[in-house]
Amino acid sequence: MSETVTSTSKKRPEFRNIDSASLISYRWPLASLASGMHRVSGAIMFFLLPFVIWMFDTSISSEISFARFKAAFNIGMLGIPGFLWKLVVLGLIWAILHHFIAGIRHLWFDTHHHHVTKDIGRQTAALVIALTLSLTVVLGAKLFGLY
């Protein structure tokens, strides 16, 4: 009897993973985008850690090394203009801000898991992205000397 029921019932839909061709046209949900950006920001901070250590060491060692530190961002260093060094630091600023704010969001979800809904996930993801980008613009304007 079970054979006749399964043969006459319609086939269930089959969901597959996204292939590389449809990645570009796929519309990522905000919560997924914020979570993915959290991972990317963590990787950026990890790979730029030697640069952060160099910046910290050079900026506090002596007055001469601090002058060299300032010159790296004003004139340039290693054949790379100072503008590009500032862009690297701007990316690092974004990574730190996003990782911190999204981390607070994840910690909040971990402690309030019974109150989390799909709408709250979407709203907090939008808040994280908006807050991160606005703070990055403000700190980037300070980094590039706009105020």
Protein backbone atom coordinates (compact mmCIF):
# COMPACT_ATOMS: atom_id res chain seq x y z
CA MET A 1 0.00 0.00 0.00
CA SER A 2 2.82 2.42 0.77
CA GLU A 3 4.25 1.86 -2.71
CA THR A 4 1.09 3.10 -4.39
CA VAL A 5 0.90 6.19 -2.17
CA THR A 6 4.48 7.22 -2.86
CA SER A 7 4.21 6.60 -6.58
CA THR A 8 1.05 8.69 -6.98
CA SER A 9 2.06 11.61 -4.75
CA LYS A 10 3.78 14.50 -6.43
CA LYS A 11 7.52 14.87 -6.11
CA ARG A 12 8.73 17.16 -3.35
CA PRO A 13 10.76 20.22 -4.41
CA GLU A 14 14.49 19.78 -4.31
CA PHE A 15 16.61 22.61 -2.92
CA ARG A 16 20.26 22.70 -3.85
CA ASN A 17 23.12 24.90 -2.81
CA ILE A 18 23.76 28.06 -4.78
CA ASP A 19 26.17 27.52 -7.65
CA SER A 20 28.84 30.03 -8.57
CA ALA A 21 26.94 31.29 -11.62
CA SER A 22 23.95 32.45 -9.59
CA LEU A 23 25.98 34.00 -6.76
CA ILE A 24 26.05 37.38 -8.49
CA SER A 25 22.29 37.57 -9.05
CA TYR A 26 21.35 36.06 -5.68
CA ARG A 27 19.81 38.59 -3.28
CA TRP A 28 21.39 38.02 0.11
CA PRO A 29 19.16 38.62 3.15
CA LEU A 30 20.44 41.40 5.41
CA ALA A 31 21.10 39.03 8.30
CA SER A 32 23.18 36.81 6.03
CA LEU A 33 25.05 39.81 4.67
CA ALA A 34 25.84 41.12 8.16
CA SER A 35 26.99 37.67 9.28
CA GLY A 36 29.21 37.23 6.23
CA MET A 37 30.69 40.68 6.69
CA HIS A 38 31.41 39.75 10.32
CA ARG A 39 33.53 36.84 9.08
CA VAL A 40 35.26 38.98 6.45
CA SER A 41 36.06 41.70 8.99
CA GLY A 42 37.58 39.10 11.31
CA ALA A 43 39.78 37.82 8.49
CA ILE A 44 40.86 41.36 7.59
CA MET A 45 41.83 42.07 11.18
CA PHE A 46 43.74 38.80 11.39
CA PHE A 47 45.74 39.37 8.21
CA LEU A 48 46.45 43.03 9.02
CA LEU A 49 47.61 42.28 12.55
CA PRO A 50 51.33 42.65 11.64
CA PHE A 51 50.50 46.07 10.14
CA VAL A 52 48.66 47.06 13.33
CA ILE A 53 51.61 45.96 15.47
CA TRP A 54 53.98 47.93 13.25
CA MET A 55 51.78 51.04 13.49
CA PHE A 56 51.57 50.78 17.27
CA ASP A 57 55.29 50.13 17.74
CA THR A 58 56.35 52.89 15.36
CA SER A 59 53.98 55.43 16.83
CA ILE A 60 55.11 55.05 20.46
CA SER A 61 58.82 54.14 20.24
CA SER A 62 60.33 57.60 19.93
CA GLU A 63 59.77 61.01 18.40
CA ILE A 64 61.84 60.04 15.37
CA SER A 65 59.85 56.87 14.77
CA PHE A 66 56.60 58.81 15.21
CA ALA A 67 57.77 61.26 12.54
CA ARG A 68 58.46 58.28 10.26
CA PHE A 69 54.98 56.96 11.10
CA LYS A 70 53.37 60.27 10.12
CA ALA A 71 55.45 60.45 6.95
CA ALA A 72 54.21 57.02 5.89
CA PHE A 73 50.67 58.41 5.74
CA ASN A 74 51.52 61.85 4.40
CA ILE A 75 54.26 61.11 1.85
CA GLY A 76 54.25 57.36 1.50
CA MET A 77 56.47 54.40 2.24
CA LEU A 78 57.94 51.43 0.33
CA GLY A 79 57.05 53.07 -2.96
CA ILE A 80 53.36 53.18 -2.05
CA PRO A 81 51.77 56.64 -1.75
CA GLY A 82 50.35 57.75 1.57
CA PHE A 83 46.83 57.83 0.14
CA LEU A 84 46.88 54.05 -0.34
CA TRP A 85 48.18 53.51 3.20
CA LYS A 86 45.26 55.58 4.44
CA LEU A 87 42.87 53.41 2.43
CA VAL A 88 44.32 50.31 4.11
CA VAL A 89 43.80 51.92 7.50
CA LEU A 90 40.26 52.90 6.49
CA GLY A 91 39.57 49.25 5.64
CA LEU A 92 40.99 48.28 9.01
CA ILE A 93 38.79 50.86 10.73
CA TRP A 94 35.73 49.39 8.99
CA ALA A 95 36.76 45.86 9.96
CA ILE A 96 37.23 46.74 13.63
CA LEU A 97 33.96 48.67 13.83
CA HIS A 98 31.92 46.05 12.00
CA HIS A 99 33.41 43.13 13.91
CA PHE A 100 32.79 44.86 17.24
CA ILE A 101 29.21 45.97 16.52
CA ALA A 102 28.21 42.70 14.84
CA GLY A 103 29.83 40.82 17.71
CA ILE A 104 27.63 42.71 20.17
CA ARG A 105 24.64 41.75 18.01
CA HIS A 106 25.66 38.08 18.09
CA LEU A 107 26.18 38.18 21.86
CA TRP A 108 22.76 39.76 22.31
CA PHE A 109 21.21 37.01 20.19
CA ASP A 110 22.99 34.38 22.26
CA THR A 111 21.52 35.72 25.49
CA HIS A 112 18.02 36.54 24.16
CA HIS A 113 17.55 33.62 21.76
CA HIS A 114 13.90 33.05 22.74
CA HIS A 115 12.96 36.61 21.70
CA VAL A 116 14.67 36.60 18.31
CA THR A 117 12.45 36.65 15.25
CA LYS A 118 13.15 36.99 11.57
CA ASP A 119 12.11 40.66 11.63
CA ILE A 120 14.36 41.44 14.60
CA GLY A 121 17.24 39.72 12.81
CA ARG A 122 16.65 41.83 9.71
CA GLN A 123 16.31 45.07 11.69
CA THR A 124 19.41 44.50 13.80
CA ALA A 125 21.41 43.53 10.71
CA ALA A 126 20.34 46.77 9.02
CA LEU A 127 21.27 48.68 12.18
CA VAL A 128 24.71 47.04 12.31
CA ILE A 129 25.43 47.82 8.66
CA ALA A 130 24.15 51.41 8.88
CA LEU A 131 25.98 52.12 12.13
CA THR A 132 29.21 50.61 10.85
CA LEU A 133 29.16 52.50 7.57
CA SER A 134 28.26 55.82 9.17
CA LEU A 135 31.00 55.54 11.81
CA THR A 136 33.47 54.50 9.11
CA VAL A 137 32.59 57.59 7.06
CA VAL A 138 33.03 59.86 10.10
CA LEU A 139 36.37 58.32 11.11
CA GLY A 140 37.49 58.16 7.46
CA ALA A 141 36.81 61.88 7.09
CA LYS A 142 39.01 62.48 10.15
CA LEU A 143 41.71 60.17 8.76
CA PHE A 144 41.80 62.00 5.43
CA GLY A 145 41.84 65.41 7.14
CA LEU A 146 38.40 66.67 6.15
CA TYR A 147 37.87 68.07 9.66
